[in-house]
Amino acid sequence: MGLFAGRTRVVVQDELELGGPTDLWWFVHTRAAIALSADHRTAVLTQNGKTVRATLLGLPGAGFSVEAAAPLPTSPAATNTPNIGIQRLTVHATASGATSFAVVFDDGNGPADDVLTPLDQWQVPGPPLASVDRPPATAAAAPNPCKGIGSDPGPATPAAPAAPGAERAAAGGPALTPAFTG
């Protein structure tokens, strides 16, 4: 999954290596109303006055369908709570060998994507997300928490937990403190 075009486009992509003909299913469950294009390669989801377009890339001959959000007939028997008011945007295809496909979600403004980019060619624009300008901190061996158990008659001596980020600070790096605690 990737965010593109200034975070206005979400791409959910799968790359599969299938040994032989395989029954392939892809779903998204939603409370939105769903309208399909004539070729079933585009779906427009609308809920509370907001619209999202979904475009299928890859899987020639396949398209979206809309189904009830219920287990498939081939699913193992289970007791499920009914998904009242929820439907399923579905892609169903038979595929084999190297198979790639994506569903692109966007706001529907502008042309829909029509090119499937292999995952190993995805790039994040702009500067690197993180850089390291010094060697990473090394961690000291933790004390044995089992001291005093078995043949060693000595008492257990648990170590006091280090303050958040102390290891990095001790190694000359910035102390990193968690944003959420508790």
N, C-alpha and C. Protein backbone atom coordinates (compact mmCIF):
# COMPACT_ATOMS: atom_id res chain seq x y z
N MET A 1 0.85 -1.15 0.00
CA MET A 1 0.00 0.00 0.00
C MET A 1 0.89 1.22 0.00
N GLY A 2 0.53 2.22 -0.78
CA GLY A 2 1.29 3.46 -0.84
C GLY A 2 0.38 4.66 -0.98
N LEU A 3 0.85 5.78 -0.46
CA LEU A 3 0.16 7.06 -0.62
C LEU A 3 0.93 7.86 -1.66
N PHE A 4 0.24 8.41 -2.64
CA PHE A 4 0.88 9.13 -3.73
C PHE A 4 0.14 10.42 -4.01
N ALA A 5 0.70 11.23 -4.91
CA ALA A 5 0.08 12.47 -5.38
C ALA A 5 -0.33 13.36 -4.21
N GLY A 6 0.65 13.65 -3.35
CA GLY A 6 0.37 14.52 -2.22
C GLY A 6 -0.63 13.91 -1.25
N ARG A 7 -0.60 12.59 -1.12
CA ARG A 7 -1.48 11.84 -0.21
C ARG A 7 -2.95 11.90 -0.63
N THR A 8 -3.20 12.15 -1.91
CA THR A 8 -4.58 12.15 -2.41
C THR A 8 -4.94 10.84 -3.10
N ARG A 9 -3.97 9.94 -3.21
CA ARG A 9 -4.18 8.68 -3.92
C ARG A 9 -3.60 7.55 -3.08
N VAL A 10 -4.44 6.54 -2.82
CA VAL A 10 -4.00 5.35 -2.09
C VAL A 10 -3.97 4.19 -3.07
N VAL A 11 -2.83 3.50 -3.14
CA VAL A 11 -2.70 2.36 -4.04
C VAL A 11 -2.52 1.10 -3.18
N VAL A 12 -3.43 0.15 -3.37
CA VAL A 12 -3.34 -1.15 -2.70
C VAL A 12 -2.97 -2.15 -3.80
N GLN A 13 -1.76 -2.67 -3.74
CA GLN A 13 -1.25 -3.49 -4.84
C GLN A 13 -0.78 -4.84 -4.33
N ASP A 14 -1.04 -5.87 -5.12
CA ASP A 14 -0.58 -7.23 -4.82
C ASP A 14 0.23 -7.74 -5.99
N GLU A 15 1.33 -8.43 -5.68
CA GLU A 15 2.13 -9.14 -6.68
C GLU A 15 2.23 -10.58 -6.21
N LEU A 16 1.73 -11.49 -7.03
CA LEU A 16 1.62 -12.89 -6.65
C LEU A 16 2.36 -13.77 -7.64
N GLU A 17 2.90 -14.87 -7.16
CA GLU A 17 3.48 -15.91 -8.00
C GLU A 17 2.60 -17.14 -7.79
N LEU A 18 1.76 -17.43 -8.77
CA LEU A 18 0.79 -18.51 -8.66
C LEU A 18 1.25 -19.71 -9.47
N GLY A 19 1.17 -20.90 -8.88
CA GLY A 19 1.66 -22.10 -9.54
C GLY A 19 0.80 -22.55 -10.71
N GLY A 20 -0.45 -22.32 -10.66
CA GLY A 20 -1.37 -22.75 -11.71
C GLY A 20 -2.63 -21.92 -11.61
N PRO A 21 -3.64 -22.23 -12.38
CA PRO A 21 -4.87 -21.45 -12.32
C PRO A 21 -5.40 -21.37 -10.87
N THR A 22 -5.59 -20.15 -10.41
CA THR A 22 -5.98 -19.90 -9.02
C THR A 22 -7.19 -18.99 -8.98
N ASP A 23 -8.15 -19.33 -8.14
CA ASP A 23 -9.34 -18.52 -7.92
C ASP A 23 -8.91 -17.36 -7.01
N LEU A 24 -8.91 -16.15 -7.53
CA LEU A 24 -8.40 -14.98 -6.82
C LEU A 24 -9.57 -14.08 -6.41
N TRP A 25 -9.60 -13.69 -5.13
CA TRP A 25 -10.64 -12.80 -4.60
C TRP A 25 -9.98 -11.62 -3.93
N TRP A 26 -10.56 -10.44 -4.10
CA TRP A 26 -10.14 -9.21 -3.41
C TRP A 26 -11.40 -8.49 -2.97
N PHE A 27 -11.43 -8.00 -1.72
CA PHE A 27 -12.63 -7.33 -1.21
C PHE A 27 -12.29 -6.05 -0.48
N VAL A 28 -13.28 -5.16 -0.45
CA VAL A 28 -13.31 -4.07 0.53
C VAL A 28 -14.76 -3.96 0.98
N HIS A 29 -14.96 -3.91 2.30
CA HIS A 29 -16.31 -3.81 2.87
C HIS A 29 -16.61 -2.35 3.16
N THR A 30 -17.84 -1.92 2.88
CA THR A 30 -18.17 -0.51 3.03
C THR A 30 -19.66 -0.32 3.29
N ARG A 31 -19.98 0.80 3.91
CA ARG A 31 -21.37 1.23 4.06
C ARG A 31 -21.76 2.18 2.92
N ALA A 32 -20.79 2.55 2.09
CA ALA A 32 -21.03 3.51 1.01
C ALA A 32 -21.92 2.90 -0.08
N ALA A 33 -22.63 3.78 -0.80
CA ALA A 33 -23.32 3.37 -2.02
C ALA A 33 -22.25 3.19 -3.09
N ILE A 34 -22.40 2.18 -3.93
CA ILE A 34 -21.38 1.88 -4.94
C ILE A 34 -22.01 1.92 -6.32
N ALA A 35 -21.42 2.71 -7.21
CA ALA A 35 -21.83 2.76 -8.62
C ALA A 35 -20.67 2.26 -9.46
N LEU A 36 -20.94 1.32 -10.37
CA LEU A 36 -19.90 0.74 -11.23
C LEU A 36 -19.95 1.36 -12.61
N SER A 37 -18.77 1.53 -13.23
CA SER A 37 -18.70 1.99 -14.61
C SER A 37 -19.19 0.88 -15.52
N ALA A 38 -19.43 1.21 -16.79
CA ALA A 38 -19.95 0.22 -17.75
C ALA A 38 -19.00 -0.96 -17.90
N ASP A 39 -17.67 -0.72 -17.83
CA ASP A 39 -16.71 -1.82 -17.98
C ASP A 39 -16.35 -2.47 -16.65
N HIS A 40 -16.91 -2.00 -15.56
CA HIS A 40 -16.71 -2.54 -14.21
C HIS A 40 -15.26 -2.40 -13.72
N ARG A 41 -14.47 -1.54 -14.36
CA ARG A 41 -13.08 -1.33 -13.93
C ARG A 41 -12.97 -0.14 -12.97
N THR A 42 -14.05 0.61 -12.82
CA THR A 42 -14.08 1.76 -11.91
C THR A 42 -15.33 1.68 -11.07
N ALA A 43 -15.18 2.02 -9.79
CA ALA A 43 -16.33 2.08 -8.88
C ALA A 43 -16.28 3.43 -8.17
N VAL A 44 -17.43 4.03 -7.99
CA VAL A 44 -17.53 5.28 -7.24
C VAL A 44 -18.30 4.97 -5.96
N LEU A 45 -17.64 5.23 -4.82
CA LEU A 45 -18.24 4.97 -3.52
C LEU A 45 -18.67 6.31 -2.93
N THR A 46 -19.92 6.41 -2.49
CA THR A 46 -20.45 7.67 -1.95
C THR A 46 -21.09 7.41 -0.60
N GLN A 47 -20.71 8.24 0.37
CA GLN A 47 -21.28 8.14 1.71
C GLN A 47 -21.22 9.51 2.37
N ASN A 48 -22.32 9.93 2.95
CA ASN A 48 -22.40 11.21 3.67
C ASN A 48 -21.89 12.37 2.82
N GLY A 49 -22.22 12.38 1.54
CA GLY A 49 -21.84 13.46 0.65
C GLY A 49 -20.39 13.43 0.19
N LYS A 50 -19.63 12.43 0.58
CA LYS A 50 -18.22 12.29 0.17
C LYS A 50 -18.10 11.18 -0.86
N THR A 51 -17.18 11.37 -1.80
CA THR A 51 -17.01 10.41 -2.88
C THR A 51 -15.57 9.96 -2.98
N VAL A 52 -15.39 8.67 -3.22
CA VAL A 52 -14.08 8.07 -3.47
C VAL A 52 -14.21 7.21 -4.72
N ARG A 53 -13.23 7.33 -5.61
CA ARG A 53 -13.20 6.51 -6.82
C ARG A 53 -12.20 5.37 -6.60
N ALA A 54 -12.58 4.16 -6.99
CA ALA A 54 -11.69 3.00 -6.98
C ALA A 54 -11.49 2.56 -8.42
N THR A 55 -10.23 2.37 -8.81
CA THR A 55 -9.91 1.96 -10.18
C THR A 55 -9.10 0.67 -10.12
N LEU A 56 -9.49 -0.34 -10.89
CA LEU A 56 -8.78 -1.61 -10.94
C LEU A 56 -7.72 -1.56 -12.05
N LEU A 57 -6.50 -1.87 -11.68
CA LEU A 57 -5.40 -1.96 -12.64
C LEU A 57 -4.91 -3.40 -12.69
N GLY A 58 -4.58 -3.89 -13.87
CA GLY A 58 -4.15 -5.27 -14.02
C GLY A 58 -5.35 -6.19 -14.15
N LEU A 59 -5.09 -7.49 -14.09
CA LEU A 59 -6.13 -8.52 -14.24
C LEU A 59 -7.04 -8.27 -15.44
N PRO A 60 -6.49 -8.34 -16.65
CA PRO A 60 -7.31 -8.13 -17.84
C PRO A 60 -8.54 -9.03 -17.84
N GLY A 61 -9.66 -8.46 -18.21
CA GLY A 61 -10.92 -9.20 -18.25
C GLY A 61 -11.67 -9.22 -16.93
N ALA A 62 -11.03 -8.83 -15.85
CA ALA A 62 -11.70 -8.80 -14.55
C ALA A 62 -12.31 -7.43 -14.32
N GLY A 63 -13.21 -7.36 -13.36
CA GLY A 63 -13.82 -6.09 -13.01
C GLY A 63 -14.41 -6.16 -11.61
N PHE A 64 -14.90 -5.03 -11.15
CA PHE A 64 -15.55 -4.97 -9.84
C PHE A 64 -16.96 -5.52 -9.94
N SER A 65 -17.43 -6.05 -8.82
CA SER A 65 -18.84 -6.37 -8.64
C SER A 65 -19.20 -5.95 -7.22
N VAL A 66 -20.48 -5.87 -6.96
CA VAL A 66 -20.97 -5.50 -5.63
C VAL A 66 -21.77 -6.67 -5.09
N GLU A 67 -21.44 -7.09 -3.87
CA GLU A 67 -22.08 -8.25 -3.27
C GLU A 67 -22.46 -7.93 -1.83
N ALA A 68 -23.31 -8.77 -1.27
CA ALA A 68 -23.61 -8.68 0.15
C ALA A 68 -22.36 -9.04 0.93
N ALA A 69 -22.15 -8.40 2.07
CA ALA A 69 -20.99 -8.69 2.91
C ALA A 69 -21.29 -9.92 3.76
N ALA A 70 -21.27 -11.06 3.11
CA ALA A 70 -21.56 -12.34 3.75
C ALA A 70 -20.46 -13.32 3.36
N PRO A 71 -20.27 -14.38 4.13
CA PRO A 71 -19.25 -15.37 3.75
C PRO A 71 -19.53 -15.94 2.37
N LEU A 72 -18.47 -16.26 1.66
CA LEU A 72 -18.62 -16.91 0.36
C LEU A 72 -19.19 -18.31 0.56
N PRO A 73 -19.86 -18.84 -0.45
CA PRO A 73 -20.41 -20.21 -0.32
C PRO A 73 -19.32 -21.23 0.00
N THR A 74 -18.09 -20.99 -0.44
CA THR A 74 -16.99 -21.93 -0.20
C THR A 74 -16.29 -21.70 1.13
N SER A 75 -16.70 -20.68 1.90
CA SER A 75 -16.08 -20.40 3.19
C SER A 75 -16.48 -21.47 4.20
N PRO A 76 -15.59 -21.74 5.16
CA PRO A 76 -15.96 -22.70 6.21
C PRO A 76 -17.18 -22.18 6.97
N ALA A 77 -18.00 -23.10 7.45
CA ALA A 77 -19.19 -22.71 8.20
C ALA A 77 -18.76 -21.97 9.47
N ALA A 78 -19.41 -20.85 9.72
CA ALA A 78 -19.11 -20.05 10.91
C ALA A 78 -20.37 -19.31 11.31
N THR A 79 -20.42 -18.96 12.57
CA THR A 79 -21.53 -18.15 13.04
C THR A 79 -21.08 -16.71 12.98
N ASN A 80 -21.61 -15.96 12.05
CA ASN A 80 -21.23 -14.56 11.88
C ASN A 80 -22.40 -13.65 12.22
N THR A 81 -22.05 -12.50 12.73
CA THR A 81 -23.06 -11.47 12.95
C THR A 81 -23.39 -10.89 11.58
N PRO A 82 -24.66 -10.73 11.25
CA PRO A 82 -25.01 -10.16 9.94
C PRO A 82 -24.40 -8.77 9.75
N ASN A 83 -23.91 -8.51 8.58
CA ASN A 83 -23.32 -7.20 8.23
C ASN A 83 -24.41 -6.31 7.65
N ILE A 84 -25.33 -5.89 8.48
CA ILE A 84 -26.46 -5.08 8.04
C ILE A 84 -25.96 -3.71 7.57
N GLY A 85 -26.38 -3.32 6.36
CA GLY A 85 -25.99 -2.02 5.82
C GLY A 85 -24.59 -1.99 5.22
N ILE A 86 -23.93 -3.14 5.16
CA ILE A 86 -22.57 -3.20 4.61
C ILE A 86 -22.59 -4.05 3.36
N GLN A 87 -21.89 -3.58 2.34
CA GLN A 87 -21.75 -4.37 1.12
C GLN A 87 -20.28 -4.52 0.81
N ARG A 88 -20.00 -5.35 -0.17
CA ARG A 88 -18.62 -5.70 -0.48
C ARG A 88 -18.32 -5.35 -1.93
N LEU A 89 -17.31 -4.51 -2.13
CA LEU A 89 -16.77 -4.26 -3.47
C LEU A 89 -15.78 -5.39 -3.72
N THR A 90 -16.00 -6.13 -4.79
CA THR A 90 -15.29 -7.40 -5.01
C THR A 90 -14.60 -7.41 -6.36
N VAL A 91 -13.43 -8.04 -6.39
CA VAL A 91 -12.78 -8.43 -7.64
C VAL A 91 -12.62 -9.93 -7.57
N HIS A 92 -13.06 -10.64 -8.59
CA HIS A 92 -12.93 -12.09 -8.66
C HIS A 92 -12.36 -12.43 -10.03
N ALA A 93 -11.27 -13.19 -10.04
CA ALA A 93 -10.63 -13.56 -11.30
C ALA A 93 -9.94 -14.90 -11.14
N THR A 94 -9.64 -15.52 -12.25
CA THR A 94 -8.78 -16.70 -12.26
C THR A 94 -7.45 -16.25 -12.87
N ALA A 95 -6.37 -16.54 -12.16
CA ALA A 95 -5.05 -16.09 -12.61
C ALA A 95 -4.05 -17.21 -12.39
N SER A 96 -2.91 -17.12 -13.08
CA SER A 96 -1.83 -18.08 -12.88
C SER A 96 -0.51 -17.39 -13.18
N GLY A 97 0.58 -17.98 -12.70
CA GLY A 97 1.91 -17.41 -12.92
C GLY A 97 2.09 -16.09 -12.19
N ALA A 98 2.98 -15.25 -12.73
CA ALA A 98 3.24 -13.93 -12.14
C ALA A 98 2.01 -13.05 -12.38
N THR A 99 1.40 -12.59 -11.31
CA THR A 99 0.16 -11.81 -11.40
C THR A 99 0.29 -10.56 -10.54
N SER A 100 0.04 -9.41 -11.13
CA SER A 100 0.05 -8.15 -10.40
C SER A 100 -1.25 -7.42 -10.68
N PHE A 101 -1.79 -6.82 -9.62
CA PHE A 101 -2.97 -5.96 -9.80
C PHE A 101 -3.00 -4.96 -8.66
N ALA A 102 -3.74 -3.89 -8.89
CA ALA A 102 -3.86 -2.84 -7.87
C ALA A 102 -5.26 -2.26 -7.92
N VAL A 103 -5.68 -1.74 -6.78
CA VAL A 103 -6.88 -0.92 -6.71
C VAL A 103 -6.40 0.44 -6.22
N VAL A 104 -6.71 1.47 -7.01
CA VAL A 104 -6.29 2.83 -6.70
C VAL A 104 -7.51 3.59 -6.21
N PHE A 105 -7.40 4.17 -5.02
CA PHE A 105 -8.47 4.99 -4.45
C PHE A 105 -8.05 6.45 -4.55
N ASP A 106 -8.93 7.30 -5.10
CA ASP A 106 -8.64 8.73 -5.16
C ASP A 106 -9.95 9.51 -5.07
N ASP A 107 -9.84 10.84 -5.16
CA ASP A 107 -11.03 11.68 -5.00
C ASP A 107 -11.87 11.79 -6.27
N GLY A 108 -11.44 11.18 -7.35
CA GLY A 108 -12.22 11.21 -8.58
C GLY A 108 -11.97 12.42 -9.44
N ASN A 109 -11.17 13.36 -8.98
CA ASN A 109 -10.82 14.53 -9.78
C ASN A 109 -9.62 14.18 -10.65
N GLY A 110 -9.71 14.46 -11.89
CA GLY A 110 -8.62 14.16 -12.81
C GLY A 110 -8.75 12.76 -13.36
N PRO A 111 -7.85 12.41 -14.28
CA PRO A 111 -7.93 11.10 -14.90
C PRO A 111 -7.56 10.00 -13.90
N ALA A 112 -8.16 8.83 -14.09
CA ALA A 112 -7.84 7.68 -13.25
C ALA A 112 -6.49 7.12 -13.67
N ASP A 113 -5.81 6.50 -12.73
CA ASP A 113 -4.55 5.82 -13.07
C ASP A 113 -4.83 4.72 -14.08
N ASP A 114 -3.87 4.49 -14.97
CA ASP A 114 -4.04 3.39 -15.91
C ASP A 114 -2.74 2.62 -16.09
N VAL A 115 -1.73 2.88 -15.24
CA VAL A 115 -0.45 2.20 -15.34
C VAL A 115 -0.15 1.50 -14.03
N LEU A 116 0.18 0.24 -14.11
CA LEU A 116 0.54 -0.56 -12.95
C LEU A 116 2.06 -0.54 -12.82
N THR A 117 2.57 0.05 -11.76
CA THR A 117 4.01 0.15 -11.53
C THR A 117 4.45 -0.98 -10.60
N PRO A 118 5.44 -1.80 -11.01
CA PRO A 118 5.89 -2.88 -10.13
C PRO A 118 6.33 -2.33 -8.76
N LEU A 119 6.07 -3.10 -7.72
CA LEU A 119 6.38 -2.64 -6.36
C LEU A 119 7.85 -2.28 -6.19
N ASP A 120 8.76 -3.02 -6.83
CA ASP A 120 10.18 -2.71 -6.65
C ASP A 120 10.60 -1.42 -7.36
N GLN A 121 9.67 -0.79 -8.08
CA GLN A 121 9.96 0.50 -8.72
C GLN A 121 9.24 1.66 -8.02
N TRP A 122 8.52 1.39 -6.95
CA TRP A 122 7.87 2.47 -6.21
C TRP A 122 8.94 3.35 -5.59
N GLN A 123 8.72 4.65 -5.63
CA GLN A 123 9.67 5.61 -5.06
C GLN A 123 8.92 6.62 -4.22
N VAL A 124 9.58 7.06 -3.15
CA VAL A 124 9.03 8.12 -2.32
C VAL A 124 9.72 9.40 -2.77
N PRO A 125 8.96 10.39 -3.28
CA PRO A 125 9.59 11.63 -3.75
C PRO A 125 10.13 12.45 -2.58
N GLY A 126 11.10 13.29 -2.88
CA GLY A 126 11.65 14.18 -1.87
C GLY A 126 12.88 13.59 -1.21
N PRO A 127 13.32 14.24 -0.14
CA PRO A 127 14.53 13.78 0.55
C PRO A 127 14.29 12.44 1.25
N PRO A 128 15.37 11.75 1.60
CA PRO A 128 15.20 10.49 2.32
C PRO A 128 14.36 10.71 3.58
N LEU A 129 13.61 9.70 3.96
CA LEU A 129 12.76 9.82 5.13
C LEU A 129 13.56 9.85 6.42
N ALA A 130 14.72 9.22 6.46
CA ALA A 130 15.56 9.22 7.65
C ALA A 130 16.99 9.05 7.21
N SER A 131 17.90 9.61 7.97
CA SER A 131 19.32 9.40 7.69
C SER A 131 20.03 9.14 9.01
N VAL A 132 21.08 8.37 8.92
CA VAL A 132 21.88 8.05 10.10
C VAL A 132 23.28 8.58 9.82
N ASP A 133 23.75 9.49 10.68
CA ASP A 133 25.08 10.07 10.46
C ASP A 133 26.10 9.57 11.46
N ARG A 134 25.76 8.57 12.24
CA ARG A 134 26.71 7.96 13.16
C ARG A 134 26.37 6.49 13.30
N PRO A 135 27.32 5.71 13.80
CA PRO A 135 27.02 4.29 13.95
C PRO A 135 25.85 4.07 14.91
N PRO A 136 25.08 3.03 14.68
CA PRO A 136 23.96 2.76 15.59
C PRO A 136 24.46 2.39 16.97
N ALA A 137 23.64 2.64 17.97
CA ALA A 137 23.99 2.29 19.35
C ALA A 137 24.02 0.79 19.50
N THR A 138 24.89 0.32 20.37
CA THR A 138 24.93 -1.11 20.65
C THR A 138 24.31 -1.34 22.01
N ALA A 139 23.63 -2.43 22.15
CA ALA A 139 22.96 -2.75 23.41
C ALA A 139 23.84 -3.67 24.23
N ALA A 140 23.91 -3.41 25.54
CA ALA A 140 24.65 -4.28 26.45
C ALA A 140 23.80 -5.53 26.69
N ALA A 141 24.48 -6.62 27.03
CA ALA A 141 23.76 -7.84 27.34
C ALA A 141 22.88 -7.62 28.55
N ALA A 142 21.66 -8.12 28.48
CA ALA A 142 20.72 -7.98 29.60
C ALA A 142 21.10 -8.96 30.70
N PRO A 143 20.86 -8.58 31.97
CA PRO A 143 21.15 -9.52 33.05
C PRO A 143 20.27 -10.76 32.92
N ASN A 144 20.75 -11.87 33.43
CA ASN A 144 20.03 -13.13 33.36
C ASN A 144 18.83 -13.07 34.29
N PRO A 145 17.60 -13.09 33.75
CA PRO A 145 16.42 -13.03 34.63
C PRO A 145 16.18 -14.32 35.38
N CYS A 146 16.90 -15.39 35.03
CA CYS A 146 16.70 -16.67 35.69
C CYS A 146 17.72 -16.91 36.81
N LYS A 147 18.52 -15.92 37.17
CA LYS A 147 19.52 -16.08 38.21
C LYS A 147 18.80 -16.47 39.49
N GLY A 148 19.30 -17.47 40.15
CA GLY A 148 18.68 -17.94 41.38
C GLY A 148 17.73 -19.09 41.16
N ILE A 149 17.53 -19.51 39.93
CA ILE A 149 16.64 -20.63 39.65
C ILE A 149 17.50 -21.83 39.30
N GLY A 150 17.18 -22.98 39.79
CA GLY A 150 17.92 -24.20 39.48
C GLY A 150 19.11 -24.36 40.40
N SER A 151 20.31 -24.65 39.84
CA SER A 151 21.47 -24.95 40.67
C SER A 151 22.14 -23.71 41.24
N ASP A 152 21.86 -22.53 40.73
CA ASP A 152 22.46 -21.30 41.25
C ASP A 152 21.64 -20.82 42.44
N PRO A 153 22.18 -20.91 43.69
CA PRO A 153 21.40 -20.52 44.85
C PRO A 153 21.32 -19.02 45.08
N GLY A 154 21.99 -18.22 44.26
CA GLY A 154 22.00 -16.77 44.48
C GLY A 154 20.64 -16.16 44.22
N PRO A 155 20.37 -15.00 44.85
CA PRO A 155 19.07 -14.34 44.66
C PRO A 155 18.97 -13.71 43.28
N ALA A 156 17.75 -13.59 42.80
CA ALA A 156 17.51 -12.94 41.52
C ALA A 156 17.76 -11.45 41.69
N THR A 157 18.40 -10.84 40.72
CA THR A 157 18.69 -9.40 40.79
C THR A 157 18.22 -8.75 39.50
N PRO A 158 16.95 -8.41 39.43
CA PRO A 158 16.48 -7.77 38.20
C PRO A 158 17.08 -6.39 38.04
N ALA A 159 17.41 -6.04 36.81
CA ALA A 159 17.97 -4.72 36.52
C ALA A 159 16.85 -3.70 36.45
N ALA A 160 17.14 -2.50 36.90
CA ALA A 160 16.16 -1.41 36.79
C ALA A 160 16.04 -1.04 35.32
N PRO A 161 14.84 -0.79 34.83
CA PRO A 161 14.71 -0.42 33.42
C PRO A 161 15.36 0.93 33.15
N ALA A 162 16.01 1.03 32.01
CA ALA A 162 16.65 2.29 31.62
C ALA A 162 15.59 3.29 31.21
N ALA A 163 15.91 4.55 31.34
CA ALA A 163 14.99 5.60 30.89
C ALA A 163 14.84 5.51 29.39
N PRO A 164 13.68 5.88 28.84
CA PRO A 164 13.50 5.83 27.39
C PRO A 164 14.59 6.60 26.66
N GLY A 165 15.21 5.94 25.69
CA GLY A 165 16.22 6.60 24.88
C GLY A 165 17.60 6.64 25.51
N ALA A 166 17.77 6.09 26.73
CA ALA A 166 19.05 6.18 27.43
C ALA A 166 20.17 5.51 26.66
N GLU A 167 19.89 4.35 26.03
CA GLU A 167 20.94 3.65 25.29
C GLU A 167 21.48 4.52 24.16
N ARG A 168 20.58 5.18 23.43
CA ARG A 168 21.04 6.03 22.31
C ARG A 168 21.79 7.23 22.85
N ALA A 169 21.33 7.82 23.94
CA ALA A 169 22.01 8.98 24.50
C ALA A 169 23.39 8.59 24.99
N ALA A 170 23.52 7.42 25.63
CA ALA A 170 24.83 6.96 26.12
C ALA A 170 25.80 6.72 24.99
N ALA A 171 25.30 6.38 23.81
CA ALA A 171 26.16 6.13 22.65
C ALA A 171 26.42 7.41 21.86
N GLY A 172 25.98 8.55 22.39
CA GLY A 172 26.24 9.81 21.70
C GLY A 172 25.15 10.23 20.75
N GLY A 173 24.07 9.48 20.70
CA GLY A 173 22.96 9.82 19.81
C GLY A 173 21.89 10.60 20.57
N PRO A 174 20.89 11.07 19.86
CA PRO A 174 19.82 11.80 20.54
C PRO A 174 18.97 10.84 21.38
N ALA A 175 18.55 11.31 22.53
CA ALA A 175 17.67 10.50 23.36
C ALA A 175 16.28 10.50 22.73
N LEU A 176 15.73 9.34 22.51
CA LEU A 176 14.40 9.23 21.89
C LEU A 176 13.41 8.88 22.99
N THR A 177 12.43 9.71 23.16
CA THR A 177 11.41 9.49 24.17
C THR A 177 10.10 9.13 23.48
N PRO A 178 9.41 8.08 23.94
CA PRO A 178 8.16 7.72 23.30
C PRO A 178 7.12 8.83 23.44
N ALA A 179 6.32 8.99 22.39
CA ALA A 179 5.30 10.04 22.40
C ALA A 179 4.14 9.65 23.30
N PHE A 180 3.86 8.36 23.42
CA PHE A 180 2.76 7.89 24.23
C PHE A 180 3.30 6.94 25.27
N THR A 181 2.89 7.09 26.47
CA THR A 181 3.31 6.19 27.53
C THR A 181 2.09 5.66 28.24
N GLY A 182 2.27 4.57 28.94
CA GLY A 182 1.18 4.06 29.77
C GLY A 182 0.46 2.92 29.15
